[in-house]
Amino acid sequence: MNTALRTAMEDRHVRPGQLAAQLGVSVDSVKRWLRDAGTAPHPGTRAQVAEYLGVSDEMLWPAAAKTVVKTGADREVVSVYPYRSACPKGVWAELVERAKDQILFAGFTNYFIFLEQPAFHRTLEAKLQQGVRIRFLLGDPEGSVTRAREQIEDVALSVSMRIRITEENLAKVGARDGLEVRYSSPEDATNHVGLSVFRFDEDALVCPHLARLVGHDSPMMHLRRRDDHGMFDRFAEHAEELWDRGRPTN
């Protein structure tokens, strides 16, 4: 079964018949793609499916996409989204599920993942049991940068409240080996609030925050590591520096 394709279609509330009509193919073809992860349409159709569902064809058919050779610095760019909220929930779920070594949520609040992914604290528990290292880097809810950002955004669900939502959900997981939580240092808070990095082994979702916009309205890139010192490594190093300089939440 092609779980990624099925999830992307469910996220967009697209039925096999709708997708078939959009592409001008038979419903049986769509059902065959769903049934067999090893069956993929030709590159042009893969691109149409990916565009229609708002994901990358590499996410839907990773084996087939490997045959396409990209060169240059942009070869690590899997997909781009004009808004973080435009990225299907299935992409996040797939990246978490595939992670074998580490997961790092280095957004300033990270609260959205607990709202968008059902019972996400249980997903974290399962990943910890698999031996995955999980880290959450948060902004200090009492910090001056947090207060300043609240005035800039001027929304009902304040930055500090969103951080507290994350902390409350992490408390459901409790103190477990492999789970680490830190606040970014006061000196780094400005850099942290302006750029979110979410890492899943050698995939990363990177979200630069624009002006007065909240996170879900800012653009996002999906990167996959392919080269030393490439785009992925640059953002991963940024997140690691913030993490290393961070402090415990208690």
Protein backbone atom coordinates (compact mmCIF):
# COMPACT_ATOMS: atom_id res chain seq x y z
CA MET A 1 0.00 0.00 0.00
CA ASN A 2 1.20 3.51 -0.80
CA THR A 3 0.55 5.06 2.62
CA ALA A 4 1.99 8.44 1.67
CA LEU A 5 -0.32 8.81 -1.33
CA ARG A 6 -3.34 7.65 0.64
CA THR A 7 -2.58 10.09 3.48
CA ALA A 8 -2.04 13.02 1.10
CA MET A 9 -5.38 12.30 -0.60
CA GLU A 10 -7.16 12.04 2.76
CA ASP A 11 -5.60 15.32 3.93
CA ARG A 12 -6.98 17.05 0.85
CA HIS A 13 -10.30 15.12 0.95
CA VAL A 14 -9.63 13.81 -2.55
CA ARG A 15 -11.29 10.56 -3.63
CA PRO A 16 -9.79 8.22 -6.27
CA GLY A 17 -12.45 9.25 -8.78
CA GLN A 18 -11.66 12.94 -8.28
CA LEU A 19 -7.94 12.40 -8.77
CA ALA A 20 -8.57 10.26 -11.86
CA ALA A 21 -10.79 12.96 -13.40
CA GLN A 22 -8.23 15.66 -12.63
CA LEU A 23 -5.47 13.68 -14.36
CA GLY A 24 -7.53 12.19 -17.16
CA VAL A 25 -6.70 8.61 -16.17
CA SER A 26 -8.83 5.66 -15.12
CA VAL A 27 -9.99 5.15 -11.56
CA ASP A 28 -8.38 1.71 -11.71
CA SER A 29 -5.00 3.37 -12.30
CA VAL A 30 -5.36 5.50 -9.17
CA LYS A 31 -6.48 2.49 -7.15
CA ARG A 32 -3.45 0.58 -8.40
CA TRP A 33 -1.11 3.36 -7.26
CA LEU A 34 -2.77 3.28 -3.84
CA ARG A 35 -2.64 -0.49 -3.60
CA ASP A 36 0.98 -0.99 -4.66
CA ALA A 37 3.71 1.37 -3.41
CA GLY A 38 6.02 -0.02 -6.10
CA THR A 39 3.72 1.08 -8.92
CA ALA A 40 4.25 4.67 -9.99
CA PRO A 41 2.94 6.67 -12.95
CA HIS A 42 5.35 8.27 -15.43
CA PRO A 43 7.21 11.42 -14.26
CA GLY A 44 4.78 13.88 -15.85
CA THR A 45 1.79 12.32 -14.11
CA ARG A 46 3.70 12.08 -10.82
CA ALA A 47 4.35 15.81 -11.02
CA GLN A 48 0.64 16.49 -11.69
CA VAL A 49 -0.44 14.35 -8.74
CA ALA A 50 2.08 16.04 -6.44
CA GLU A 51 1.01 19.54 -7.53
CA TYR A 52 -2.69 18.72 -7.12
CA LEU A 53 -2.17 17.26 -3.62
CA GLY A 54 0.30 19.94 -2.54
CA VAL A 55 3.21 17.59 -1.80
CA SER A 56 6.39 16.50 -3.59
CA ASP A 57 6.46 13.49 -5.89
CA GLU A 58 9.54 12.37 -3.94
CA MET A 59 7.35 12.07 -0.86
CA LEU A 60 4.71 10.08 -2.73
CA TRP A 61 7.03 7.82 -4.76
CA PRO A 62 10.53 8.00 -3.23
CA ALA A 63 11.89 5.01 -5.16
CA ALA A 64 10.80 6.42 -8.52
CA ALA A 65 12.03 9.91 -7.68
CA LYS A 66 15.53 8.60 -7.02
CA THR A 67 15.92 7.98 -10.74
CA VAL A 68 15.67 11.74 -11.39
CA VAL A 69 19.10 13.37 -11.09
CA LYS A 70 19.28 16.94 -9.84
CA THR A 71 22.49 18.94 -9.76
CA GLY A 72 23.41 22.17 -8.05
CA ALA A 73 22.75 23.59 -4.61
CA ASP A 74 18.99 23.19 -4.97
CA ARG A 75 19.19 19.40 -5.18
CA GLU A 76 18.49 19.23 -1.45
CA VAL A 77 15.17 21.06 -1.87
CA VAL A 78 12.40 18.47 -1.88
CA SER A 79 9.47 20.88 -1.86
CA VAL A 80 8.48 24.43 -0.99
CA TYR A 81 5.26 25.77 0.50
CA PRO A 82 4.16 29.43 0.43
CA TYR A 83 2.57 28.85 3.85
CA ARG A 84 3.50 26.34 6.54
CA SER A 85 -0.19 25.51 6.81
CA ALA A 86 -0.16 24.50 3.11
CA CYS A 87 2.06 21.53 3.92
CA PRO A 88 -0.24 18.51 4.31
CA LYS A 89 -0.38 16.96 7.77
CA GLY A 90 0.58 13.67 6.19
CA VAL A 91 4.05 15.04 5.38
CA TRP A 92 4.72 15.73 9.06
CA ALA A 93 3.36 12.33 10.06
CA GLU A 94 5.46 10.55 7.43
CA LEU A 95 8.68 12.31 8.49
CA VAL A 96 8.09 11.49 12.16
CA GLU A 97 7.27 7.89 11.32
CA ARG A 98 10.42 7.42 9.21
CA ALA A 99 12.81 8.95 11.77
CA LYS A 100 15.10 6.31 13.27
CA ASP A 101 17.77 8.35 15.06
CA GLN A 102 16.63 11.85 15.99
CA ILE A 103 13.79 14.35 15.90
CA LEU A 104 14.35 18.02 16.71
CA PHE A 105 11.53 20.55 17.01
CA ALA A 106 13.30 23.91 17.09
CA GLY A 107 10.39 26.23 16.47
CA PHE A 108 9.84 28.99 19.02
CA THR A 109 6.57 27.47 20.27
CA ASN A 110 6.13 24.10 18.45
CA TYR A 111 2.55 23.95 19.76
CA PHE A 112 0.88 23.33 16.39
CA ILE A 113 2.18 19.78 16.09
CA PHE A 114 0.14 18.74 19.12
CA LEU A 115 -3.00 20.28 17.64
CA GLU A 116 -2.58 18.97 14.10
CA GLN A 117 -1.36 15.42 14.83
CA PRO A 118 -3.83 13.28 16.82
CA ALA A 119 -2.54 12.12 20.24
CA PHE A 120 0.95 13.27 19.31
CA HIS A 121 2.25 12.68 22.83
CA ARG A 122 1.62 8.97 22.28
CA THR A 123 3.49 9.14 18.97
CA LEU A 124 6.43 10.63 20.86
CA GLU A 125 6.24 7.85 23.44
CA ALA A 126 6.36 5.24 20.67
CA LYS A 127 9.37 6.89 19.01
CA LEU A 128 11.20 7.04 22.34
CA GLN A 129 10.56 3.34 22.83
CA GLN A 130 12.18 2.80 19.42
CA GLY A 131 15.31 4.54 20.70
CA VAL A 132 14.83 7.83 18.81
CA ARG A 133 16.34 10.91 20.46
CA ILE A 134 13.69 13.64 20.66
CA ARG A 135 14.45 17.28 21.44
CA PHE A 136 12.24 20.34 21.80
CA LEU A 137 13.86 23.78 21.75
CA LEU A 138 11.40 26.42 22.96
CA GLY A 139 11.45 30.14 23.46
CA ASP A 140 11.39 31.30 27.07
CA PRO A 141 7.72 32.11 27.81
CA GLU A 142 8.83 34.83 30.23
CA GLY A 143 11.56 36.26 28.00
CA SER A 144 11.67 39.81 26.67
CA VAL A 145 11.75 38.63 23.05
CA THR A 146 8.61 36.58 23.68
CA ARG A 147 6.84 39.65 25.06
CA ALA A 148 7.98 41.77 22.14
CA ARG A 149 6.79 39.17 19.66
CA GLU A 150 3.39 39.05 21.33
CA GLN A 151 2.98 42.77 20.75
CA ILE A 152 4.05 42.40 17.12
CA GLU A 153 1.65 39.53 16.37
CA ASP A 154 -1.21 40.91 18.46
CA VAL A 155 -3.28 37.69 18.35
CA ALA A 156 -5.50 36.09 20.99
CA LEU A 157 -3.39 32.93 21.31
CA SER A 158 -0.22 34.58 22.56
CA VAL A 159 3.32 33.31 22.02
CA SER A 160 3.77 32.47 25.71
CA MET A 161 0.46 30.60 25.76
CA ARG A 162 1.51 28.57 22.71
CA ILE A 163 4.75 27.64 24.46
CA ARG A 164 2.76 26.55 27.54
CA ILE A 165 0.57 24.35 25.35
CA THR A 166 3.70 22.53 24.19
CA GLU A 167 4.96 22.17 27.75
CA GLU A 168 1.62 20.79 28.92
CA ASN A 169 1.62 18.19 26.16
CA LEU A 170 5.23 17.22 26.83
CA ALA A 171 4.30 16.76 30.49
CA LYS A 172 1.95 13.99 29.33
CA VAL A 173 5.00 12.15 28.00
CA GLY A 174 6.82 12.74 31.26
CA ALA A 175 10.51 12.35 32.04
CA ARG A 176 11.80 9.63 29.75
CA ASP A 177 15.21 8.67 28.47
CA GLY A 178 15.75 10.26 25.09
CA LEU A 179 13.42 13.24 25.58
CA GLU A 180 15.12 16.62 26.13
CA VAL A 181 13.57 20.06 26.40
CA ARG A 182 15.37 23.41 26.53
CA TYR A 183 14.71 27.14 26.25
CA SER A 184 16.92 29.05 23.85
CA SER A 185 19.29 31.47 25.58
CA PRO A 186 18.26 35.13 25.92
CA GLU A 187 21.10 36.08 23.58
CA ASP A 188 19.79 33.74 20.88
CA ALA A 189 16.07 34.39 21.27
CA THR A 190 15.90 36.88 18.38
CA ASN A 191 17.53 34.39 16.01
CA HIS A 192 15.30 31.61 17.31
CA VAL A 193 11.99 33.43 16.93
CA GLY A 194 12.81 34.37 13.33
CA LEU A 195 13.55 30.89 12.03
CA SER A 196 12.06 27.48 12.86
CA VAL A 197 13.94 24.28 12.04
CA PHE A 198 12.27 20.89 12.38
CA ARG A 199 14.64 17.98 11.81
CA PHE A 200 13.83 14.31 11.22
CA ASP A 201 17.11 12.42 10.68
CA GLU A 202 18.27 13.73 7.28
CA ASP A 203 15.06 15.57 6.41
CA ALA A 204 14.24 19.06 7.66
CA LEU A 205 11.34 21.47 7.40
CA VAL A 206 12.60 25.06 7.62
CA CYS A 207 10.27 28.00 8.21
CA PRO A 208 11.53 31.64 8.14
CA HIS A 209 9.01 33.92 9.86
CA LEU A 210 7.90 37.01 8.01
CA ALA A 211 7.26 40.39 9.62
CA ARG A 212 4.12 40.25 11.77
CA LEU A 213 2.94 36.86 10.55
CA VAL A 214 2.43 33.88 12.84
CA GLY A 215 4.15 30.61 11.98
CA HIS A 216 1.42 28.98 9.93
CA ASP A 217 1.33 31.98 7.56
CA SER A 218 5.09 31.95 6.88
CA PRO A 219 6.75 30.04 4.00
CA MET A 220 8.46 26.69 4.46
CA MET A 221 11.00 24.48 2.67
CA HIS A 222 11.41 20.72 2.87
CA LEU A 223 15.12 19.82 2.65
CA ARG A 224 16.82 16.42 2.41
CA ARG A 225 20.54 16.06 3.07
CA ARG A 226 22.58 15.06 0.04
CA ASP A 227 25.87 16.97 0.37
CA ASP A 228 28.31 18.05 3.02
CA HIS A 229 27.90 21.72 3.93
CA GLY A 230 24.81 22.01 1.75
CA MET A 231 21.48 23.68 2.52
CA PHE A 232 20.46 20.98 4.99
CA ASP A 233 23.72 21.19 6.95
CA ARG A 234 23.59 25.00 7.13
CA PHE A 235 20.19 25.00 8.80
CA ALA A 236 20.99 21.96 10.95
CA GLU A 237 24.12 23.70 12.25
CA HIS A 238 22.07 26.79 13.08
CA ALA A 239 19.62 24.70 15.13
CA GLU A 240 22.42 22.81 16.87
CA GLU A 241 24.13 26.04 17.92
CA LEU A 242 20.89 27.33 19.44
CA TRP A 243 20.41 23.99 21.18
CA ASP A 244 23.95 23.89 22.57
CA ARG A 245 23.58 27.40 24.00
CA GLY A 246 20.09 26.72 25.38
CA ARG A 247 19.20 26.08 29.00
CA PRO A 248 17.00 23.55 30.80
CA THR A 249 13.34 24.48 31.24
CA ASN A 250 13.43 23.61 34.95
